Every structure is written in structure tokens, then in C-alpha cells.
PDB file of N, CA and C in Angstrom:
ATOM      1  N   MET A   1      -6.166 118.875 152.561  1.00  0.00           N
ATOM      2  CA  MET A   1      -6.477 119.682 153.728  1.00  0.00           C
ATOM      3  C   MET A   1      -7.190 118.822 154.769  1.00  0.00           C
ATOM      4  N   ILE A   2      -6.966 119.182 156.021  1.00  0.00           N
ATOM      5  CA  ILE A   2      -7.623 118.539 157.150  1.00  0.00           C
ATOM      6  C   ILE A   2      -8.605 119.564 157.713  1.00  0.00           C
ATOM      7  N   LYS A   3      -9.870 119.193 157.776  1.00  0.00           N
ATOM      8  CA  LYS A   3     -10.897 120.076 158.312  1.00  0.00           C
ATOM      9  C   LYS A   3     -10.864 119.981 159.829  1.00  0.00           C
ATOM     10  N   VAL A   4     -10.866 121.131 160.512  1.00  0.00           N
ATOM     11  CA  VAL A   4     -10.828 121.177 161.968  1.00  0.00           C
ATOM     12  C   VAL A   4     -12.064 121.912 162.473  1.00  0.00           C
ATOM     13  N   ILE A   5     -12.728 121.306 163.460  1.00  0.00           N
ATOM     14  CA  ILE A   5     -13.937 121.874 164.043  1.00  0.00           C
ATOM     15  C   ILE A   5     -13.735 122.041 165.542  1.00  0.00           C
ATOM     16  N   PHE A   6     -14.241 123.145 166.086  1.00  0.00           N
ATOM     17  CA  PHE A   6     -14.164 123.413 167.524  1.00  0.00           C
ATOM     18  C   PHE A   6     -15.573 123.430 168.104  1.00  0.00           C
ATOM     19  N   PHE A   7     -15.730 122.864 169.305  1.00  0.00           N
ATOM     20  CA  PHE A   7     -17.037 122.794 169.936  1.00  0.00           C
ATOM     21  C   PHE A   7     -17.058 123.459 171.301  1.00  0.00           C
ATOM     22  N   ALA A   8     -18.264 123.814 171.731  1.00  0.00           N
ATOM     23  CA  ALA A   8     -18.576 124.306 173.068  1.00  0.00           C
ATOM     24  C   ALA A   8     -17.716 125.506 173.451  1.00  0.00           C
ATOM     25  N   ALA A   9     -17.203 125.516 174.674  1.00  0.00           N
ATOM     26  CA  ALA A   9     -16.452 126.666 175.183  1.00  0.00           C
ATOM     27  C   ALA A   9     -15.206 126.951 174.349  1.00  0.00           C
ATOM     28  N   LEU A  10     -14.597 125.914 173.795  1.00  0.00           N
ATOM     29  CA  LEU A  10     -13.406 126.119 172.969  1.00  0.00           C
ATOM     30  C   LEU A  10     -13.744 126.976 171.751  1.00  0.00           C
ATOM     31  N   ARG A  11     -14.882 126.737 171.157  1.00  0.00           N
ATOM     32  CA  ARG A  11     -15.332 127.535 170.012  1.00  0.00           C
ATOM     33  C   ARG A  11     -15.447 129.000 170.407  1.00  0.00           C
ATOM     34  N   GLU A  12     -16.024 129.241 171.577  1.00  0.00           N
ATOM     35  CA  GLU A  12     -16.183 130.606 172.061  1.00  0.00           C
ATOM     36  C   GLU A  12     -14.838 131.248 172.374  1.00  0.00           C
ATOM     37  N   GLN A  13     -13.940 130.505 173.003  1.00  0.00           N
ATOM     38  CA  GLN A  13     -12.630 131.045 173.359  1.00  0.00           C
ATOM     39  C   GLN A  13     -11.838 131.441 172.119  1.00  0.00           C
ATOM     40  N   LEU A  14     -11.893 130.610 171.092  1.00  0.00           N
ATOM     41  CA  LEU A  14     -11.137 130.875 169.875  1.00  0.00           C
ATOM     42  C   LEU A  14     -11.839 131.861 168.958  1.00  0.00           C
ATOM     43  N   GLY A  15     -13.151 132.036 169.173  1.00  0.00           N
ATOM     44  CA  GLY A  15     -13.920 132.915 168.308  1.00  0.00           C
ATOM     45  C   GLY A  15     -14.034 132.371 166.901  1.00  0.00           C
ATOM     46  N   CYS A  16     -14.043 131.044 166.810  1.00  0.00           N
ATOM     47  CA  CYS A  16     -14.008 130.389 165.500  1.00  0.00           C
ATOM     48  C   CYS A  16     -14.663 129.012 165.601  1.00  0.00           C
ATOM     49  N   ALA A  17     -15.511 128.681 164.637  1.00  0.00           N
ATOM     50  CA  ALA A  17     -16.160 127.371 164.631  1.00  0.00           C
ATOM     51  C   ALA A  17     -15.290 126.308 163.976  1.00  0.00           C
ATOM     52  N   GLY A  18     -14.390 126.723 163.104  1.00  0.00           N
ATOM     53  CA  GLY A  18     -13.552 125.752 162.429  1.00  0.00           C
ATOM     54  C   GLY A  18     -12.558 126.402 161.490  1.00  0.00           C
ATOM     55  N   THR A  19     -11.658 125.576 160.986  1.00  0.00           N
ATOM     56  CA  THR A  19     -10.619 126.040 160.069  1.00  0.00           C
ATOM     57  C   THR A  19     -10.071 124.825 159.337  1.00  0.00           C
ATOM     58  N   GLU A  20      -9.006 125.017 158.602  1.00  0.00           N
ATOM     59  CA  GLU A  20      -8.344 123.914 157.910  1.00  0.00           C
ATOM     60  C   GLU A  20      -6.838 123.981 158.153  1.00  0.00           C
ATOM     61  N   VAL A  21      -6.222 122.810 158.125  1.00  0.00           N
ATOM     62  CA  VAL A  21      -4.773 122.687 158.273  1.00  0.00           C
ATOM     63  C   VAL A  21      -4.271 121.869 157.093  1.00  0.00           C
ATOM     64  N   SER A  22      -3.169 122.268 156.521  1.00  0.00           N
ATOM     65  CA  SER A  22      -2.581 121.511 155.419  1.00  0.00           C
ATOM     66  C   SER A  22      -2.120 120.143 155.906  1.00  0.00           C
ATOM     67  N   ALA A  23      -2.454 119.122 155.173  1.00  0.00           N
ATOM     68  CA  ALA A  23      -2.013 117.766 155.520  1.00  0.00           C
ATOM     69  C   ALA A  23      -0.498 117.645 155.398  1.00  0.00           C
ATOM     70  N   ASN A  24       0.127 118.556 154.678  1.00  0.00           N
ATOM     71  CA  ASN A  24       1.586 118.552 154.567  1.00  0.00           C
ATOM     72  C   ASN A  24       2.255 118.984 155.867  1.00  0.00           C
ATOM     73  N   ASN A  25       1.500 119.710 156.713  1.00  0.00           N
ATOM     74  CA  ASN A  25       2.051 120.234 157.962  1.00  0.00           C
ATOM     75  C   ASN A  25       1.676 119.411 159.181  1.00  0.00           C
ATOM     76  N   ALA A  26       0.862 118.367 159.009  1.00  0.00           N
ATOM     77  CA  ALA A  26       0.396 117.610 160.163  1.00  0.00           C
ATOM     78  C   ALA A  26       0.083 116.168 159.773  1.00  0.00           C
ATOM     79  N   SER A  27       0.690 115.222 160.491  1.00  0.00           N
ATOM     80  CA  SER A  27       0.391 113.810 160.227  1.00  0.00           C
ATOM     81  C   SER A  27      -0.223 113.125 161.440  1.00  0.00           C
ATOM     82  N   THR A  28      -0.319 113.851 162.571  1.00  0.00           N
ATOM     83  CA  THR A  28      -0.990 113.334 163.765  1.00  0.00           C
ATOM     84  C   THR A  28      -1.875 114.435 164.349  1.00  0.00           C
ATOM     85  N   VAL A  29      -2.754 114.047 165.257  1.00  0.00           N
ATOM     86  CA  VAL A  29      -3.608 115.017 165.930  1.00  0.00           C
ATOM     87  C   VAL A  29      -2.747 116.037 166.676  1.00  0.00           C
ATOM     88  N   ALA A  30      -1.694 115.595 167.334  1.00  0.00           N
ATOM     89  CA  ALA A  30      -0.810 116.506 168.058  1.00  0.00           C
ATOM     90  C   ALA A  30      -0.191 117.529 167.117  1.00  0.00           C
ATOM     91  N   GLU A  31       0.167 117.114 165.919  1.00  0.00           N
ATOM     92  CA  GLU A  31       0.736 118.042 164.943  1.00  0.00           C
ATOM     93  C   GLU A  31      -0.312 119.012 164.411  1.00  0.00           C
ATOM     94  N   VAL A  32      -1.562 118.585 164.344  1.00  0.00           N
ATOM     95  CA  VAL A  32      -2.646 119.504 163.976  1.00  0.00           C
ATOM     96  C   VAL A  32      -2.741 120.597 165.038  1.00  0.00           C
ATOM     97  N   LYS A  33      -2.711 120.190 166.315  1.00  0.00           N
ATOM     98  CA  LYS A  33      -2.741 121.172 167.409  1.00  0.00           C
ATOM     99  C   LYS A  33      -1.570 122.143 167.302  1.00  0.00           C
ATOM    100  N   ASP A  34      -0.389 121.609 167.041  1.00  0.00           N
ATOM    101  CA  ASP A  34       0.794 122.457 166.921  1.00  0.00           C
ATOM    102  C   ASP A  34       0.644 123.463 165.787  1.00  0.00           C
ATOM    103  N   ALA A  35       0.155 122.998 164.648  1.00  0.00           N
ATOM    104  CA  ALA A  35      -0.031 123.887 163.493  1.00  0.00           C
ATOM    105  C   ALA A  35      -1.046 124.983 163.819  1.00  0.00           C
ATOM    106  N   LEU A  36      -2.112 124.630 164.517  1.00  0.00           N
ATOM    107  CA  LEU A  36      -3.113 125.616 164.897  1.00  0.00           C
ATOM    108  C   LEU A  36      -2.552 126.609 165.905  1.00  0.00           C
ATOM    109  N   GLY A  37      -1.708 126.145 166.801  1.00  0.00           N
ATOM    110  CA  GLY A  37      -1.103 127.002 167.808  1.00  0.00           C
ATOM    111  C   GLY A  37      -0.200 128.060 167.231  1.00  0.00           C
ATOM    112  N   GLU A  38       0.272 127.837 166.011  1.00  0.00           N
ATOM    113  CA  GLU A  38       1.121 128.826 165.347  1.00  0.00           C
ATOM    114  C   GLU A  38       0.339 130.046 164.883  1.00  0.00           C
ATOM    115  N   LYS A  39      -0.988 129.937 164.844  1.00  0.00           N
ATOM    116  CA  LYS A  39      -1.822 131.055 164.398  1.00  0.00           C
ATOM    117  C   LYS A  39      -1.736 132.242 165.348  1.00  0.00           C
ATOM    118  N   ASP A  40      -1.697 131.908 166.662  1.00  0.00           N
ATOM    119  CA  ASP A  40      -1.845 132.963 167.651  1.00  0.00           C
ATOM    120  C   ASP A  40      -1.486 132.394 169.020  1.00  0.00           C
ATOM    121  N   GLU A  41      -0.968 133.224 169.900  1.00  0.00           N
ATOM    122  CA  GLU A  41      -0.582 132.771 171.240  1.00  0.00           C
ATOM    123  C   GLU A  41      -1.789 132.267 172.040  1.00  0.00           C
ATOM    124  N   ASP A  42      -2.936 132.931 171.893  1.00  0.00           N
ATOM    125  CA  ASP A  42      -4.144 132.466 172.592  1.00  0.00           C
ATOM    126  C   ASP A  42      -4.548 131.082 172.100  1.00  0.00           C
ATOM    127  N   TRP A  43      -4.504 130.869 170.790  1.00  0.00           N
ATOM    128  CA  TRP A  43      -4.837 129.552 170.240  1.00  0.00           C
ATOM    129  C   TRP A  43      -3.900 128.508 170.825  1.00  0.00           C
ATOM    130  N   LYS A  44      -2.631 128.835 170.873  1.00  0.00           N
ATOM    131  CA  LYS A  44      -1.640 127.902 171.408  1.00  0.00           C
ATOM    132  C   LYS A  44      -1.980 127.526 172.850  1.00  0.00           C
ATOM    133  N   ASN A  45      -2.328 128.521 173.650  1.00  0.00           N
ATOM    134  CA  ASN A  45      -2.656 128.276 175.050  1.00  0.00           C
ATOM    135  C   ASN A  45      -3.934 127.457 175.209  1.00  0.00           C
ATOM    136  N   TYR A  46      -4.975 127.799 174.484  1.00  0.00           N
ATOM    137  CA  TYR A  46      -6.240 127.060 174.594  1.00  0.00           C
ATOM    138  C   TYR A  46      -6.075 125.610 174.138  1.00  0.00           C
ATOM    139  N   LEU A  47      -5.328 125.396 173.072  1.00  0.00           N
ATOM    140  CA  LEU A  47      -5.162 124.040 172.541  1.00  0.00           C
ATOM    141  C   LEU A  47      -4.165 123.216 173.340  1.00  0.00           C
ATOM    142  N   ALA A  48      -3.382 123.863 174.192  1.00  0.00           N
ATOM    143  CA  ALA A  48      -2.432 123.139 175.040  1.00  0.00           C
ATOM    144  C   ALA A  48      -3.118 122.481 176.237  1.00  0.00           C
ATOM    145  N   ASN A  49      -4.390 122.758 176.430  1.00  0.00           N
ATOM    146  CA  ASN A  49      -5.155 122.177 177.529  1.00  0.00           C
ATOM    147  C   ASN A  49      -5.180 120.650 177.390  1.00  0.00           C
ATOM    148  N   ASN A  50      -4.579 119.953 178.349  1.00  0.00           N
ATOM    149  CA  ASN A  50      -4.478 118.496 178.287  1.00  0.00           C
ATOM    150  C   ASN A  50      -5.806 117.778 178.465  1.00  0.00           C
ATOM    151  N   SER A  51      -6.822 118.491 178.922  1.00  0.00           N
ATOM    152  CA  SER A  51      -8.119 117.830 179.105  1.00  0.00           C
ATOM    153  C   SER A  51      -9.003 117.908 177.862  1.00  0.00           C
ATOM    154  N   LEU A  52      -8.531 118.581 176.807  1.00  0.00           N
ATOM    155  CA  LEU A  52      -9.311 118.631 175.565  1.00  0.00           C
ATOM    156  C   LEU A  52      -9.497 117.232 175.007  1.00  0.00           C
ATOM    157  N   LEU A  53     -10.671 116.987 174.503  1.00  0.00           N
ATOM    158  CA  LEU A  53     -10.958 115.718 173.838  1.00  0.00           C
ATOM    159  C   LEU A  53     -10.841 115.930 172.337  1.00  0.00           C
ATOM    160  N   CYS A  54     -10.597 114.839 171.626  1.00  0.00           N
ATOM    161  CA  CYS A  54     -10.432 114.934 170.182  1.00  0.00           C
ATOM    162  C   CYS A  54     -11.091 113.740 169.499  1.00  0.00           C
ATOM    163  N   ALA A  55     -11.657 114.024 168.350  1.00  0.00           N
ATOM    164  CA  ALA A  55     -12.223 112.972 167.517  1.00  0.00           C
ATOM    165  C   ALA A  55     -11.736 113.184 166.088  1.00  0.00           C
ATOM    166  N   VAL A  56     -11.454 112.089 165.414  1.00  0.00           N
ATOM    167  CA  VAL A  56     -11.124 112.125 163.990  1.00  0.00           C
ATOM    168  C   VAL A  56     -12.192 111.320 163.279  1.00  0.00           C
ATOM    169  N   ASN A  57     -12.879 111.976 162.363  1.00  0.00           N
ATOM    170  CA  ASN A  57     -13.967 111.333 161.621  1.00  0.00           C
ATOM    171  C   ASN A  57     -14.960 110.670 162.576  1.00  0.00           C
ATOM    172  N   HIS A  58     -15.310 111.404 163.638  1.00  0.00           N
ATOM    173  CA  HIS A  58     -16.310 111.005 164.638  1.00  0.00           C
ATOM    174  C   HIS A  58     -15.878 109.847 165.528  1.00  0.00           C
ATOM    175  N   GLN A  59     -14.612 109.561 165.589  1.00  0.00           N
ATOM    176  CA  GLN A  59     -14.072 108.510 166.454  1.00  0.00           C
ATOM    177  C   GLN A  59     -13.134 109.154 167.469  1.00  0.00           C
ATOM    178  N   MET A  60     -13.353 108.899 168.749  1.00  0.00           N
ATOM    179  CA  MET A  60     -12.500 109.467 169.797  1.00  0.00           C
ATOM    180  C   MET A  60     -11.088 108.904 169.648  1.00  0.00           C
ATOM    181  N   VAL A  61     -10.086 109.803 169.726  1.00  0.00           N
ATOM    182  CA  VAL A  61      -8.693 109.394 169.520  1.00  0.00           C
ATOM    183  C   VAL A  61      -7.773 110.144 170.477  1.00  0.00           C
ATOM    184  N   GLN A  62      -6.522 109.721 170.510  1.00  0.00           N
ATOM    185  CA  GLN A  62      -5.467 110.368 171.287  1.00  0.00           C
ATOM    186  C   GLN A  62      -4.592 111.207 170.342  1.00  0.00           C
ATOM    187  N   GLY A  63      -3.666 111.946 170.918  1.00  0.00           N
ATOM    188  CA  GLY A  63      -2.817 112.854 170.154  1.00  0.00           C
ATOM    189  C   GLY A  63      -1.903 112.205 169.143  1.00  0.00           C
ATOM    190  N   ASP A  64      -1.571 110.932 169.353  1.00  0.00           N
ATOM    191  CA  ASP A  64      -0.664 110.258 168.421  1.00  0.00           C
ATOM    192  C   ASP A  64      -1.391 109.613 167.244  1.00  0.00           C
ATOM    193  N   PHE A  65      -2.707 109.816 167.165  1.00  0.00           N
ATOM    194  CA  PHE A  65      -3.496 109.230 166.083  1.00  0.00           C
ATOM    195  C   PHE A  65      -3.125 109.878 164.748  1.00  0.00           C
ATOM    196  N   SER A  66      -2.938 109.073 163.724  1.00  0.00           N
ATOM    197  CA  SER A  66      -2.559 109.583 162.396  1.00  0.00           C
ATOM    198  C   SER A  66      -3.744 110.228 161.687  1.00  0.00           C
ATOM    199  N   VAL A  67      -3.462 111.325 161.002  1.00  0.00           N
ATOM    200  CA  VAL A  67      -4.470 112.006 160.193  1.00  0.00           C
ATOM    201  C   VAL A  67      -3.938 112.187 158.774  1.00  0.00           C
ATOM    202  N   LYS A  68      -4.880 112.359 157.864  1.00  0.00           N
ATOM    203  CA  LYS A  68      -4.507 112.536 156.455  1.00  0.00           C
ATOM    204  C   LYS A  68      -5.466 113.539 155.807  1.00  0.00           C
ATOM    205  N   SER A  69      -5.120 113.949 154.628  1.00  0.00           N
ATOM    206  CA  SER A  69      -5.956 114.880 153.885  1.00  0.00           C
ATOM    207  C   SER A  69      -7.373 114.307 153.751  1.00  0.00           C
ATOM    208  N   GLY A  70      -8.364 115.168 153.983  1.00  0.00           N
ATOM    209  CA  GLY A  70      -9.756 114.756 153.896  1.00  0.00           C
ATOM    210  C   GLY A  70     -10.365 114.383 155.241  1.00  0.00           C
ATOM    211  N   ASP A  71      -9.523 114.201 156.265  1.00  0.00           N
ATOM    212  CA  ASP A  71     -10.035 113.873 157.593  1.00  0.00           C
ATOM    213  C   ASP A  71     -10.686 115.096 158.231  1.00  0.00           C
ATOM    214  N   GLU A  72     -11.605 114.815 159.154  1.00  0.00           N
ATOM    215  CA  GLU A  72     -12.221 115.857 159.973  1.00  0.00           C
ATOM    216  C   GLU A  72     -11.760 115.650 161.404  1.00  0.00           C
ATOM    217  N   VAL A  73     -11.131 116.672 161.976  1.00  0.00           N
ATOM    218  CA  VAL A  73     -10.623 116.614 163.351  1.00  0.00           C
ATOM    219  C   VAL A  73     -11.461 117.576 164.187  1.00  0.00           C
ATOM    220  N   ALA A  74     -12.003 117.078 165.292  1.00  0.00           N
ATOM    221  CA  ALA A  74     -12.809 117.910 166.169  1.00  0.00           C
ATOM    222  C   ALA A  74     -12.175 117.977 167.547  1.00  0.00           C
ATOM    223  N   PHE A  75     -12.118 119.179 168.106  1.00  0.00           N
ATOM    224  CA  PHE A  75     -11.606 119.389 169.451  1.00  0.00           C
ATOM    225  C   PHE A  75     -12.740 119.950 170.314  1.00  0.00           C
ATOM    226  N   PHE A  76     -12.838 119.437 171.541  1.00  0.00           N
ATOM    227  CA  PHE A  76     -13.866 119.933 172.448  1.00  0.00           C
ATOM    228  C   PHE A  76     -13.477 119.676 173.893  1.00  0.00           C
ATOM    229  N   PRO A  77     -13.972 120.521 174.791  1.00  0.00           N
ATOM    230  CA  PRO A  77     -13.659 120.328 176.203  1.00  0.00           C
ATOM    231  C   PRO A  77     -14.385 119.099 176.738  1.00  0.00           C
ATOM    232  N   PRO A  78     -13.933 118.577 177.882  1.00  0.00           N
ATOM    233  CA  PRO A  78     -14.616 117.421 178.469  1.00  0.00           C
ATOM    234  C   PRO A  78     -16.084 117.746 178.733  1.00  0.00           C
ATOM    235  N   VAL A  79     -16.918 116.761 178.579  1.00  0.00           N
ATOM    236  CA  VAL A  79     -18.354 116.929 178.771  1.00  0.00           C
ATOM    237  C   VAL A  79     -18.715 116.401 180.153  1.00  0.00           C
ATOM    238  N   THR A  80     -19.503 117.178 180.868  1.00  0.00           N
ATOM    239  CA  THR A  80     -19.962 116.717 182.177  1.00  0.00           C
ATOM    240  C   THR A  80     -21.478 116.580 182.129  1.00  0.00           C
ATOM    241  N   GLY A  81     -21.976 115.675 182.889  1.00  0.00           N
ATOM    242  CA  GLY A  81     -23.422 115.449 182.928  1.00  0.00           C
ATOM    243  C   GLY A  81     -23.945 115.681 184.317  1.00  0.00           C
ATOM    244  N   GLY A  82     -25.217 115.574 184.435  1.00  0.00           N
ATOM    245  CA  GLY A  82     -25.779 115.782 185.760  1.00  0.00           C
ATOM    246  C   GLY A  82     -27.250 115.572 185.773  1.00  0.00           C
TER     247      GLY A  82
END
């Protein structure tokens, strides 16, 4: 299983702090997003946001990054400072 965590506004939009995705259904971050989008149309829309950032095991990555069972994938909106 791949552990998935949601942060900030995305967590609120989805109404969920995290979930899991079968490693059999996803071998990249993009495929994790696709698998999550199958849960619900709202999830699909929120996760389709191209400005979402992603980290795998606390390392910032792109959608083509490979994932495997035991990995932790985190999605969060861009962070702004001030």
C-alpha cells in the first residue's frame, strides 16, 4: 500500500487527512492521483489542479516520479509567504 496524505486547503476540500492506494494500481505519482480521482468526481477535480505540489517520502517530486509499496505520498497546494 501507498500512504497518501493531504495538507492545507486540499485536506479541507476533500474532507480527509489521508488514505491509501494499492501499489498494484499505481507506479507513479500521476497514477496515484488517477486512482484517487476514481473515488469521487470532486476528488478528481481537486486533484487535477496542476498547481498542486507533491512529495514522496518528504522529497519534492513531479508526476512521473516512481512510487512503490510503503512510500508516503503527500499532496498540498502551493505555499505562499509574506
